[in-house]
Amino acid sequence: MILAACTEQAPLASDFVPDYLGADIRQLAGDLVQVEARMTKAGTAANVFEYADCAVASFMQQDAVPYARYVRSNFDREGGVWAADVVYITSSERPRGIRVIDAAAVTAHCRQKRIPTV
C-alpha cells in the first residue's frame, strides 16, 4: 500500500526574483514626466515605485536633467502584476521636497540592485 500526502512545495529562490515587465515614459506639459511601470513578484508597492524611479532617472540622464521631484503616484495589483503610474517634475536645480531624485545617484543604485533602467 502506497500512501501519498498532499504537501505544499517549498518556494524556490526564483519565486522571489522580480520580473520587470517594462516602463513607459511620457513627457507631459512643461517639465512633468509620467512613468507607467509594471512588474511581477514585487513584494510591495515600494518595489514597483523603485522601478519607476529607476526608469525616470535613466530618462533624465538621457536628457541631461540632474533632478526630479515626486508629484503623485497610483498603484494597482491585478493577477500578480503590480503597476505604478508615477508623475515627476524634472529640474536643472535641486528642488525642494522630501522625495527628490538625483539622476546619477539613483541610476547607480539601480545598477547595483540590478533593476533595469529604460
C-alpha atoms as a PDB file:
ATOM      1  CA  MET A   1       0.000   0.000   0.000  1.00  0.00           C
ATOM      2  CA  ILE A   2       1.364   3.422  -1.026  1.00  0.00           C
ATOM      3  CA  LEU A   3       0.265   6.458   0.890  1.00  0.00           C
ATOM      4  CA  ALA A   4       0.818   9.891  -0.551  1.00  0.00           C
ATOM      5  CA  ALA A   5       0.285  13.084   1.359  1.00  0.00           C
ATOM      6  CA  CYS A   6      -0.571  16.385  -0.149  1.00  0.00           C
ATOM      7  CA  THR A   7       2.311  18.652   0.664  1.00  0.00           C
ATOM      8  CA  GLU A   8       2.953  22.133  -0.493  1.00  0.00           C
ATOM      9  CA  GLN A   9       6.134  22.543  -2.416  1.00  0.00           C
ATOM     10  CA  ALA A  10       8.624  24.861  -0.756  1.00  0.00           C
ATOM     11  CA  PRO A  11       9.096  28.113  -2.656  1.00  0.00           C
ATOM     12  CA  LEU A  12      12.135  28.373  -4.883  1.00  0.00           C
ATOM     13  CA  ALA A  13      14.522  31.310  -4.899  1.00  0.00           C
ATOM     14  CA  SER A  14      13.241  32.204  -8.378  1.00  0.00           C
ATOM     15  CA  ASP A  15       9.783  32.750  -6.881  1.00  0.00           C
ATOM     16  CA  PHE A  16      11.155  35.915  -5.266  1.00  0.00           C
ATOM     17  CA  VAL A  17      13.130  37.373  -8.184  1.00  0.00           C
ATOM     18  CA  PRO A  18      11.150  40.273  -9.671  1.00  0.00           C
ATOM     19  CA  ASP A  19      10.150  40.137 -13.311  1.00  0.00           C
ATOM     20  CA  TYR A  20      10.279  43.639 -14.765  1.00  0.00           C
ATOM     21  CA  LEU A  21       7.658  43.944 -17.499  1.00  0.00           C
ATOM     22  CA  GLY A  22       8.617  47.380 -18.780  1.00  0.00           C
ATOM     23  CA  ALA A  23       8.274  51.060 -18.036  1.00  0.00           C
ATOM     24  CA  ASP A  24       6.728  53.602 -20.393  1.00  0.00           C
ATOM     25  CA  ILE A  25       7.810  57.210 -20.031  1.00  0.00           C
ATOM     26  CA  ARG A  26       5.888  60.191 -21.387  1.00  0.00           C
ATOM     27  CA  GLN A  27       6.776  63.841 -21.321  1.00  0.00           C
ATOM     28  CA  LEU A  28       3.702  65.746 -20.166  1.00  0.00           C
ATOM     29  CA  ALA A  29       3.205  69.518 -20.137  1.00  0.00           C
ATOM     30  CA  GLY A  30       6.308  71.511 -19.273  1.00  0.00           C
ATOM     31  CA  ASP A  31       8.717  69.653 -17.012  1.00  0.00           C
ATOM     32  CA  LEU A  32       6.254  66.945 -15.960  1.00  0.00           C
ATOM     33  CA  VAL A  33       7.174  63.325 -16.732  1.00  0.00           C
ATOM     34  CA  GLN A  34       4.889  60.318 -16.288  1.00  0.00           C
ATOM     35  CA  VAL A  35       6.195  56.775 -15.755  1.00  0.00           C
ATOM     36  CA  GLU A  36       3.995  53.703 -16.021  1.00  0.00           C
ATOM     37  CA  ALA A  37       5.914  50.677 -14.725  1.00  0.00           C
ATOM     38  CA  ARG A  38       4.784  47.058 -14.440  1.00  0.00           C
ATOM     39  CA  MET A  39       6.318  44.051 -12.734  1.00  0.00           C
ATOM     40  CA  THR A  40       5.525  40.723 -11.115  1.00  0.00           C
ATOM     41  CA  LYS A  41       6.885  39.233  -7.898  1.00  0.00           C
ATOM     42  CA  ALA A  42       7.066  42.660  -6.260  1.00  0.00           C
ATOM     43  CA  GLY A  43       6.818  42.226  -2.530  1.00  0.00           C
ATOM     44  CA  THR A  44       5.148  45.600  -2.036  1.00  0.00           C
ATOM     45  CA  ALA A  45       4.187  48.736  -3.916  1.00  0.00           C
ATOM     46  CA  ALA A  46       7.574  50.140  -2.857  1.00  0.00           C
ATOM     47  CA  ASN A  47       9.296  47.722  -5.263  1.00  0.00           C
ATOM     48  CA  VAL A  48       7.380  48.907  -8.326  1.00  0.00           C
ATOM     49  CA  PHE A  49       7.810  52.527  -7.159  1.00  0.00           C
ATOM     50  CA  GLU A  50      11.579  51.937  -7.053  1.00  0.00           C
ATOM     51  CA  TYR A  51      11.414  50.530 -10.596  1.00  0.00           C
ATOM     52  CA  ALA A  52       9.629  53.720 -11.740  1.00  0.00           C
ATOM     53  CA  ASP A  53      12.359  55.807 -10.049  1.00  0.00           C
ATOM     54  CA  CYS A  54      14.996  53.853 -11.981  1.00  0.00           C
ATOM     55  CA  ALA A  55      13.196  54.456 -15.265  1.00  0.00           C
ATOM     56  CA  VAL A  56      12.808  58.197 -14.707  1.00  0.00           C
ATOM     57  CA  ALA A  57      16.441  58.545 -13.566  1.00  0.00           C
ATOM     58  CA  SER A  58      17.669  56.943 -16.780  1.00  0.00           C
ATOM     59  CA  PHE A  59      15.330  59.163 -18.835  1.00  0.00           C
ATOM     60  CA  MET A  60      16.659  62.228 -17.025  1.00  0.00           C
ATOM     61  CA  GLN A  61      20.271  61.313 -17.732  1.00  0.00           C
ATOM     62  CA  GLN A  62      19.497  60.957 -21.437  1.00  0.00           C
ATOM     63  CA  ASP A  63      18.062  64.493 -21.371  1.00  0.00           C
ATOM     64  CA  ALA A  64      20.906  65.808 -19.159  1.00  0.00           C
ATOM     65  CA  VAL A  65      18.475  66.790 -16.382  1.00  0.00           C
ATOM     66  CA  PRO A  66      20.002  66.100 -12.968  1.00  0.00           C
ATOM     67  CA  TYR A  67      16.972  66.272 -10.646  1.00  0.00           C
ATOM     68  CA  ALA A  68      13.326  65.346 -10.327  1.00  0.00           C
ATOM     69  CA  ARG A  69      10.761  65.656  -7.582  1.00  0.00           C
ATOM     70  CA  TYR A  70       7.967  63.202  -6.967  1.00  0.00           C
ATOM     71  CA  VAL A  71       4.495  64.693  -7.619  1.00  0.00           C
ATOM     72  CA  ARG A  72       1.992  61.825  -7.315  1.00  0.00           C
ATOM     73  CA  SER A  73       1.529  58.085  -7.735  1.00  0.00           C
ATOM     74  CA  ASN A  74      -1.172  55.476  -8.247  1.00  0.00           C
ATOM     75  CA  PHE A  75      -0.636  51.764  -7.711  1.00  0.00           C
ATOM     76  CA  ASP A  76      -2.624  48.731  -8.738  1.00  0.00           C
ATOM     77  CA  ARG A  77      -2.182  44.989  -8.326  1.00  0.00           C
ATOM     78  CA  GLU A  78      -4.128  42.620 -10.524  1.00  0.00           C
ATOM     79  CA  GLY A  79      -3.439  38.955 -11.159  1.00  0.00           C
ATOM     80  CA  GLY A  80       0.040  39.142  -9.638  1.00  0.00           C
ATOM     81  CA  VAL A  81       1.064  42.140 -11.767  1.00  0.00           C
ATOM     82  CA  TRP A  82       1.933  45.332  -9.932  1.00  0.00           C
ATOM     83  CA  ALA A  83       1.505  48.585 -11.861  1.00  0.00           C
ATOM     84  CA  ALA A  84       2.651  52.072 -10.922  1.00  0.00           C
ATOM     85  CA  ASP A  85       1.627  55.342 -12.534  1.00  0.00           C
ATOM     86  CA  VAL A  86       4.021  57.983 -11.190  1.00  0.00           C
ATOM     87  CA  VAL A  87       4.447  61.637 -12.139  1.00  0.00           C
ATOM     88  CA  TYR A  88       7.607  63.629 -11.506  1.00  0.00           C
ATOM     89  CA  ILE A  89       8.673  67.207 -12.228  1.00  0.00           C
ATOM     90  CA  THR A  90      12.208  67.485 -13.616  1.00  0.00           C
ATOM     91  CA  SER A  91      14.581  70.306 -12.793  1.00  0.00           C
ATOM     92  CA  SER A  92      18.071  71.526 -13.618  1.00  0.00           C
ATOM     93  CA  GLU A  93      18.440  72.701  -9.999  1.00  0.00           C
ATOM     94  CA  ARG A  94      17.838  70.616  -6.883  1.00  0.00           C
ATOM     95  CA  PRO A  95      14.180  71.194  -5.982  1.00  0.00           C
ATOM     96  CA  ARG A  96      12.746  71.374  -2.504  1.00  0.00           C
ATOM     97  CA  GLY A  97      10.795  68.399  -1.308  1.00  0.00           C
ATOM     98  CA  ILE A  98      11.011  65.153   0.565  1.00  0.00           C
ATOM     99  CA  ARG A  99      11.292  62.824  -2.468  1.00  0.00           C
ATOM    100  CA  VAL A 100      13.978  64.353  -4.672  1.00  0.00           C
ATOM    101  CA  ILE A 101      15.684  62.158  -7.253  1.00  0.00           C
ATOM    102  CA  ASP A 102      19.327  62.736  -8.132  1.00  0.00           C
ATOM    103  CA  ALA A 103      19.534  61.025 -11.533  1.00  0.00           C
ATOM    104  CA  ALA A 104      23.171  59.929 -11.256  1.00  0.00           C
ATOM    105  CA  ALA A 105      22.822  58.524  -7.734  1.00  0.00           C
ATOM    106  CA  VAL A 106      19.557  56.716  -8.460  1.00  0.00           C
ATOM    107  CA  THR A 107      20.869  55.202 -11.697  1.00  0.00           C
ATOM    108  CA  ALA A 108      23.952  53.897  -9.854  1.00  0.00           C
ATOM    109  CA  HIS A 109      21.701  52.461  -7.115  1.00  0.00           C
ATOM    110  CA  CYS A 110      19.547  50.729  -9.732  1.00  0.00           C
ATOM    111  CA  ARG A 111      22.538  49.181 -11.464  1.00  0.00           C
ATOM    112  CA  GLN A 112      23.850  47.924  -8.120  1.00  0.00           C
ATOM    113  CA  LYS A 113      20.470  46.315  -7.333  1.00  0.00           C
ATOM    114  CA  ARG A 114      20.114  45.070 -10.945  1.00  0.00           C
ATOM    115  CA  ILE A 115      16.896  46.976 -11.502  1.00  0.00           C
ATOM    116  CA  PRO A 116      16.534  47.747 -15.203  1.00  0.00           C
ATOM    117  CA  THR A 117      16.564  51.292 -16.454  1.00  0.00           C
ATOM    118  CA  VAL A 118      14.866  52.287 -19.668  1.00  0.00           C
END
